[in-house]
Amino acid sequence: MAALLNEALAEALSQEIGRVTGQSFQIATQQSVSGGCINQAIQVADSSRRFFVKLNRADQLAMFEAERDGLKEMYDSRSIRVPQPLCCGVAGGSAYIVMEWLDLGSRQSGDAWRRMGEQLAAMHQCTSDRGFGWHRDNTIGATPQKNKWCDRWVDFWRDRRLGPQFSMAHAKGAHFPQRDELMNAIPRLLKGHTPTASLLHGDLWSGNAFVTTAGEPVILDPATYYGDPETDLAMTELFGRLPEAFYQAYNAASPIDSGYPQRKVLYNLYHILNHFNLFGGSYASQANSMMRQILS
């Protein structure tokens, strides 16, 4: 067995997976797999079952606890497939989260993307009576994401989303000449737009949307909260659109408002600012370009 997990962590994971599944489990094989640039990802297996494990430093447990809660909330909505979270904790000097293993397949099935559009629209029908936000903070990538409840969407987007990202970016040396103008314009830009506080994936770019080998649509790696469904749609267009069947099916199930094309740039600004805070580089200039577009 390749030494991806130290002995203490491998034993702790075996015991905990056995406990939560009610079936004895002992790790026999380990295989490093793709899991993004933030965490180490490993497939662990015995003779008959496989699970997906993500690891990070022990002080990152809260990130995995929030991911577990987000996956569970989406899983319990019975709307769209997500990996079922099993457990998370600290062992062998590492924080971990364990979830079911899903075999991801071809991204070419038009029928699967149609069903993904329908199922995402169904998930967006799960709403909160507490307003916009979530019961806990979480992360977007490795960036802290504040989710304290707000009654008004305009306040949430300004104060919980764009404001913290701008502050972090300024601390990293970025310069945004139109930052104050944009922040002051948000009430005008969102005037008359009163979305329902819907259950969101929160980080739904094309790299987090897949189809399993069985042809089932699945979404991964959430940054869950309750907000405007258009923010999920907007991010699906940020780094390459999903297949057109997805948008057609979503619109048929939940008609997309005519003002969405204007708002999506404002919503995707959040993710571009976050990419600057994570990776630096040209994302600051892209954010400035988006602000000029929004305010023009």
Protein backbone atom coordinates (compact mmCIF):
# COMPACT_ATOMS: atom_id res chain seq x y z
CA MET A 1 0.00 0.00 0.00
CA ALA A 2 1.52 3.33 -1.08
CA ALA A 3 2.31 5.54 1.89
CA LEU A 4 -0.12 8.37 1.10
CA LEU A 5 -1.67 8.18 4.56
CA ASN A 6 0.39 7.76 7.68
CA GLU A 7 -0.42 4.73 9.80
CA ALA A 8 -2.37 6.62 12.45
CA LEU A 9 -4.53 8.40 9.89
CA ALA A 10 -5.17 5.25 7.86
CA GLU A 11 -6.30 3.36 10.95
CA ALA A 12 -8.48 6.24 12.16
CA LEU A 13 -10.16 6.55 8.75
CA SER A 14 -10.76 2.80 8.59
CA GLN A 15 -12.38 2.80 12.01
CA GLU A 16 -14.51 5.89 11.35
CA ILE A 17 -15.73 4.73 7.94
CA GLY A 18 -16.67 1.41 9.50
CA ARG A 19 -18.51 3.18 12.31
CA VAL A 20 -20.56 5.57 10.15
CA THR A 21 -21.43 2.94 7.52
CA GLY A 22 -22.17 0.18 10.01
CA GLN A 23 -19.95 -2.19 8.04
CA SER A 24 -16.37 -3.10 8.89
CA PHE A 25 -13.85 -1.34 6.67
CA GLN A 26 -10.07 -1.63 6.46
CA ILE A 27 -8.10 0.41 3.95
CA ALA A 28 -6.33 -1.98 1.57
CA THR A 29 -5.42 0.40 -1.25
CA GLN A 30 -4.80 4.12 -1.58
CA GLN A 31 -4.60 6.13 -4.77
CA SER A 32 -3.91 9.83 -5.24
CA VAL A 33 -6.64 11.46 -7.36
CA SER A 34 -7.48 14.90 -8.67
CA GLY A 35 -9.10 17.05 -6.03
CA GLY A 36 -8.24 20.67 -6.78
CA CYS A 37 -5.26 22.75 -5.73
CA ILE A 38 -6.20 23.28 -2.08
CA ASN A 39 -6.48 19.80 -0.60
CA GLN A 40 -4.80 16.43 -1.04
CA ALA A 41 -7.31 13.96 -2.49
CA ILE A 42 -7.11 10.18 -2.13
CA GLN A 43 -9.27 7.22 -3.08
CA VAL A 44 -9.27 4.61 -0.32
CA ALA A 45 -10.68 1.14 -0.80
CA ASP A 46 -11.05 -2.31 0.68
CA SER A 47 -11.95 -5.37 -1.37
CA SER A 48 -15.45 -4.13 -2.22
CA ARG A 49 -15.94 -0.41 -1.40
CA ARG A 50 -14.27 2.85 -2.33
CA PHE A 51 -14.41 6.29 -0.70
CA PHE A 52 -13.12 9.76 -1.50
CA VAL A 53 -10.94 11.44 1.13
CA LYS A 54 -9.68 15.02 1.23
CA LEU A 55 -6.87 16.05 3.57
CA ASN A 56 -5.47 19.33 4.81
CA ARG A 57 -3.72 20.71 7.87
CA ALA A 58 -5.34 19.93 11.20
CA ASP A 59 -6.22 23.60 11.71
CA GLN A 60 -8.43 23.45 8.57
CA LEU A 61 -11.04 21.16 10.14
CA ALA A 62 -13.70 23.91 10.12
CA MET A 63 -13.40 24.11 6.32
CA PHE A 64 -14.24 20.41 6.03
CA GLU A 65 -17.03 20.63 8.62
CA ALA A 66 -18.64 23.39 6.55
CA GLU A 67 -18.22 21.35 3.36
CA ARG A 68 -19.84 18.37 5.08
CA ASP A 69 -22.79 20.53 6.17
CA GLY A 70 -23.17 22.02 2.69
CA LEU A 71 -23.09 18.66 0.98
CA LYS A 72 -25.58 17.28 3.48
CA GLU A 73 -27.98 20.19 2.94
CA MET A 74 -27.89 19.66 -0.82
CA TYR A 75 -28.03 15.87 -0.49
CA ASP A 76 -31.07 16.11 1.80
CA SER A 77 -32.85 18.38 -0.71
CA ARG A 78 -33.29 15.27 -2.93
CA SER A 79 -32.97 17.46 -6.01
CA ILE A 80 -29.55 17.00 -7.60
CA ARG A 81 -26.83 14.43 -6.96
CA VAL A 82 -23.90 15.38 -4.77
CA PRO A 83 -21.43 13.06 -3.05
CA GLN A 84 -22.92 11.91 0.25
CA PRO A 85 -20.67 13.13 3.07
CA LEU A 86 -19.80 10.47 5.63
CA CYS A 87 -17.53 11.98 8.27
CA CYS A 88 -14.80 14.50 9.00
CA GLY A 89 -12.34 15.01 11.82
CA VAL A 90 -8.67 15.19 12.77
CA ALA A 91 -6.33 12.22 12.99
CA GLY A 92 -2.67 11.54 12.37
CA GLY A 93 -1.92 15.26 12.28
CA SER A 94 -4.36 16.00 9.42
CA ALA A 95 -7.92 17.23 9.03
CA TYR A 96 -10.01 15.00 6.76
CA ILE A 97 -13.40 14.64 5.13
CA VAL A 98 -14.70 11.35 3.75
CA MET A 99 -17.50 11.07 1.21
CA GLU A 100 -18.89 8.51 -1.19
CA TRP A 101 -16.87 7.73 -4.29
CA LEU A 102 -18.53 8.60 -7.60
CA ASP A 103 -17.21 7.40 -10.96
CA LEU A 104 -17.19 10.45 -13.22
CA GLY A 105 -17.58 9.84 -16.92
CA SER A 106 -18.07 11.63 -20.21
CA ARG A 107 -19.29 15.24 -20.20
CA GLN A 108 -20.98 14.85 -23.62
CA SER A 109 -24.44 13.52 -22.73
CA GLY A 110 -27.04 16.11 -23.72
CA ASP A 111 -29.74 14.31 -21.74
CA ALA A 112 -27.64 14.42 -18.57
CA TRP A 113 -27.08 18.17 -18.93
CA ARG A 114 -30.79 18.68 -19.51
CA ARG A 115 -31.50 16.83 -16.28
CA MET A 116 -28.83 18.85 -14.50
CA GLY A 117 -30.64 22.05 -15.50
CA GLU A 118 -33.95 20.68 -14.25
CA GLN A 119 -32.44 19.39 -11.02
CA LEU A 120 -30.53 22.58 -10.23
CA ALA A 121 -33.76 24.52 -10.72
CA ALA A 122 -35.40 22.10 -8.27
CA MET A 123 -32.63 22.66 -5.72
CA HIS A 124 -33.13 26.40 -6.07
CA GLN A 125 -36.74 25.84 -5.01
CA CYS A 126 -35.45 24.94 -1.53
CA THR A 127 -35.65 28.23 0.32
CA SER A 128 -34.83 29.82 3.66
CA ASP A 129 -37.24 31.72 5.88
CA ARG A 130 -34.30 33.39 7.67
CA GLY A 131 -33.24 35.53 4.73
CA PHE A 132 -29.96 35.45 2.84
CA GLY A 133 -26.92 33.67 4.27
CA TRP A 134 -26.37 30.41 6.11
CA HIS A 135 -26.13 29.03 9.63
CA ARG A 136 -22.33 29.07 9.52
CA ASP A 137 -19.45 30.67 7.66
CA ASN A 138 -17.56 28.55 5.15
CA THR A 139 -14.95 28.97 2.41
CA ILE A 140 -14.89 29.68 -1.31
CA GLY A 141 -11.80 27.80 -2.33
CA ALA A 142 -9.51 28.59 0.60
CA THR A 143 -10.98 32.09 1.13
CA PRO A 144 -13.22 32.69 4.17
CA GLN A 145 -16.82 33.31 3.15
CA LYS A 146 -19.03 35.19 5.61
CA ASN A 147 -22.65 34.04 5.74
CA LYS A 148 -24.30 36.00 8.57
CA TRP A 149 -27.99 36.32 7.78
CA CYS A 150 -29.30 39.44 6.03
CA ASP A 151 -32.91 40.37 5.37
CA ARG A 152 -32.13 42.12 2.08
CA TRP A 153 -30.24 40.62 -0.85
CA VAL A 154 -28.65 43.95 -1.75
CA ASP A 155 -27.11 44.19 1.73
CA PHE A 156 -25.91 40.61 1.64
CA TRP A 157 -24.20 40.95 -1.73
CA ARG A 158 -22.55 44.24 -0.82
CA ASP A 159 -21.55 43.50 2.77
CA ARG A 160 -20.99 39.72 2.86
CA ARG A 161 -19.66 39.12 -0.61
CA LEU A 162 -18.03 42.02 -2.47
CA GLY A 163 -16.95 44.04 0.58
CA PRO A 164 -14.76 41.34 2.19
CA GLN A 165 -13.19 40.39 -1.16
CA PHE A 166 -12.30 44.02 -1.89
CA SER A 167 -10.77 44.37 1.59
CA MET A 168 -8.61 41.28 1.15
CA ALA A 169 -7.54 42.37 -2.33
CA HIS A 170 -6.55 45.85 -1.11
CA ALA A 171 -4.47 44.22 1.62
CA LYS A 172 -2.67 42.27 -1.10
CA GLY A 173 -1.84 45.47 -2.98
CA ALA A 174 -4.59 45.58 -5.61
CA HIS A 175 -5.92 48.95 -6.77
CA PHE A 176 -9.54 49.41 -7.79
CA PRO A 177 -10.23 53.05 -8.75
CA GLN A 178 -13.99 52.45 -9.11
CA ARG A 179 -14.42 50.36 -6.00
CA ASP A 180 -16.33 52.99 -3.97
CA GLU A 181 -18.44 54.00 -6.97
CA LEU A 182 -19.40 50.37 -7.53
CA MET A 183 -20.24 49.67 -3.90
CA ASN A 184 -22.41 52.79 -3.72
CA ALA A 185 -24.14 51.77 -6.96
CA ILE A 186 -25.19 48.29 -5.82
CA PRO A 187 -28.62 49.40 -4.50
CA ARG A 188 -29.28 50.99 -7.90
CA LEU A 189 -27.91 48.01 -9.83
CA LEU A 190 -30.16 45.60 -7.91
CA LYS A 191 -33.17 47.93 -7.63
CA GLY A 192 -36.43 46.08 -8.17
CA HIS A 193 -34.70 42.70 -8.05
CA THR A 194 -36.12 40.73 -5.13
CA PRO A 195 -34.91 37.12 -5.41
CA THR A 196 -36.03 34.33 -3.16
CA ALA A 197 -33.36 33.10 -0.72
CA SER A 198 -32.61 29.79 -2.46
CA LEU A 199 -30.26 26.94 -1.62
CA LEU A 200 -27.13 27.51 -3.69
CA HIS A 201 -24.06 25.52 -4.61
CA GLY A 202 -22.08 28.75 -4.40
CA ASP A 203 -19.04 27.76 -6.51
CA LEU A 204 -20.67 26.28 -9.60
CA TRP A 205 -18.07 26.71 -12.30
CA SER A 206 -17.75 24.11 -15.04
CA GLY A 207 -15.02 22.25 -13.12
CA ASN A 208 -17.52 21.39 -10.36
CA ALA A 209 -20.25 20.00 -12.66
CA PHE A 210 -19.93 16.46 -13.99
CA VAL A 211 -21.78 13.45 -15.29
CA THR A 212 -21.18 10.03 -13.75
CA THR A 213 -20.39 6.96 -15.81
CA ALA A 214 -24.02 5.96 -15.21
CA GLY A 215 -25.15 9.20 -16.90
CA GLU A 216 -26.24 10.97 -13.72
CA PRO A 217 -25.51 14.70 -13.31
CA VAL A 218 -23.54 15.57 -10.20
CA ILE A 219 -22.12 18.76 -8.65
CA LEU A 220 -19.09 18.86 -6.35
CA ASP A 221 -17.13 21.09 -3.95
CA PRO A 222 -19.82 23.52 -2.76
CA ALA A 223 -19.58 26.88 -1.01
CA THR A 224 -23.16 26.62 0.18
CA TYR A 225 -25.48 29.44 1.29
CA TYR A 226 -28.97 30.80 0.59
CA GLY A 227 -29.06 33.55 -2.01
CA ASP A 228 -30.07 34.60 -5.51
CA PRO A 229 -30.24 31.58 -7.85
CA GLU A 230 -28.80 33.77 -10.61
CA THR A 231 -25.42 33.69 -8.86
CA ASP A 232 -25.14 29.94 -9.51
CA LEU A 233 -26.17 30.43 -13.12
CA ALA A 234 -23.73 33.30 -13.57
CA MET A 235 -20.77 31.26 -12.40
CA THR A 236 -21.57 28.45 -14.83
CA GLU A 237 -20.77 31.02 -17.55
CA LEU A 238 -17.59 32.44 -16.02
CA PHE A 239 -14.96 29.93 -17.17
CA GLY A 240 -16.71 28.40 -20.16
CA ARG A 241 -20.45 27.77 -20.38
CA LEU A 242 -22.07 24.44 -19.68
CA PRO A 243 -23.76 22.74 -22.64
CA GLU A 244 -26.77 24.64 -23.97
CA ALA A 245 -29.15 21.85 -22.94
CA PHE A 246 -28.48 22.80 -19.31
CA TYR A 247 -29.66 26.40 -19.76
CA GLN A 248 -32.65 25.47 -21.88
CA ALA A 249 -33.87 22.98 -19.28
CA TYR A 250 -33.23 25.34 -16.36
CA ASN A 251 -35.14 28.14 -18.09
CA ALA A 252 -38.05 25.80 -18.87
CA ALA A 253 -38.26 24.74 -15.23
CA SER A 254 -37.59 28.17 -13.73
CA PRO A 255 -37.72 31.05 -16.24
CA ILE A 256 -34.62 33.25 -16.18
CA ASP A 257 -35.40 36.94 -15.61
CA SER A 258 -34.69 39.38 -18.43
CA GLY A 259 -32.35 41.39 -16.18
CA TYR A 260 -30.03 38.45 -15.57
CA PRO A 261 -27.48 39.29 -18.33
CA GLN A 262 -26.74 42.61 -16.61
CA ARG A 263 -26.58 41.19 -13.08
CA LYS A 264 -24.37 38.23 -13.95
CA VAL A 265 -21.31 40.48 -14.40
CA LEU A 266 -21.85 41.94 -10.93
CA TYR A 267 -22.21 38.43 -9.51
CA ASN A 268 -19.15 37.05 -11.28
CA LEU A 269 -17.06 39.99 -10.05
CA TYR A 270 -17.11 38.25 -6.67
CA HIS A 271 -15.41 35.18 -8.09
CA ILE A 272 -12.82 37.15 -10.06
CA LEU A 273 -11.91 39.09 -6.90
CA ASN A 274 -11.65 35.78 -5.08
CA HIS A 275 -9.36 34.42 -7.79
CA PHE A 276 -7.13 37.44 -7.34
CA ASN A 277 -7.04 36.80 -3.59
CA LEU A 278 -6.18 33.15 -4.18
CA PHE A 279 -3.85 33.38 -7.16
CA GLY A 280 -2.96 37.05 -7.83
CA GLY A 281 -1.86 37.86 -11.35
CA SER A 282 -4.12 39.40 -13.97
CA TYR A 283 -7.36 38.86 -12.07
CA ALA A 284 -7.11 42.41 -10.63
CA SER A 285 -7.13 43.93 -14.10
CA GLN A 286 -10.01 41.65 -15.07
CA ALA A 287 -11.94 42.87 -12.00
CA ASN A 288 -11.32 46.49 -12.99
CA SER A 289 -12.54 45.76 -16.52
CA MET A 290 -15.71 44.18 -15.12
CA MET A 291 -16.34 47.21 -12.91
CA ARG A 292 -16.06 49.51 -15.90
CA GLN A 293 -18.56 47.33 -17.73
CA ILE A 294 -21.00 47.27 -14.81
CA LEU A 295 -20.85 51.06 -14.29
CA SER A 296 -20.93 52.05 -17.95
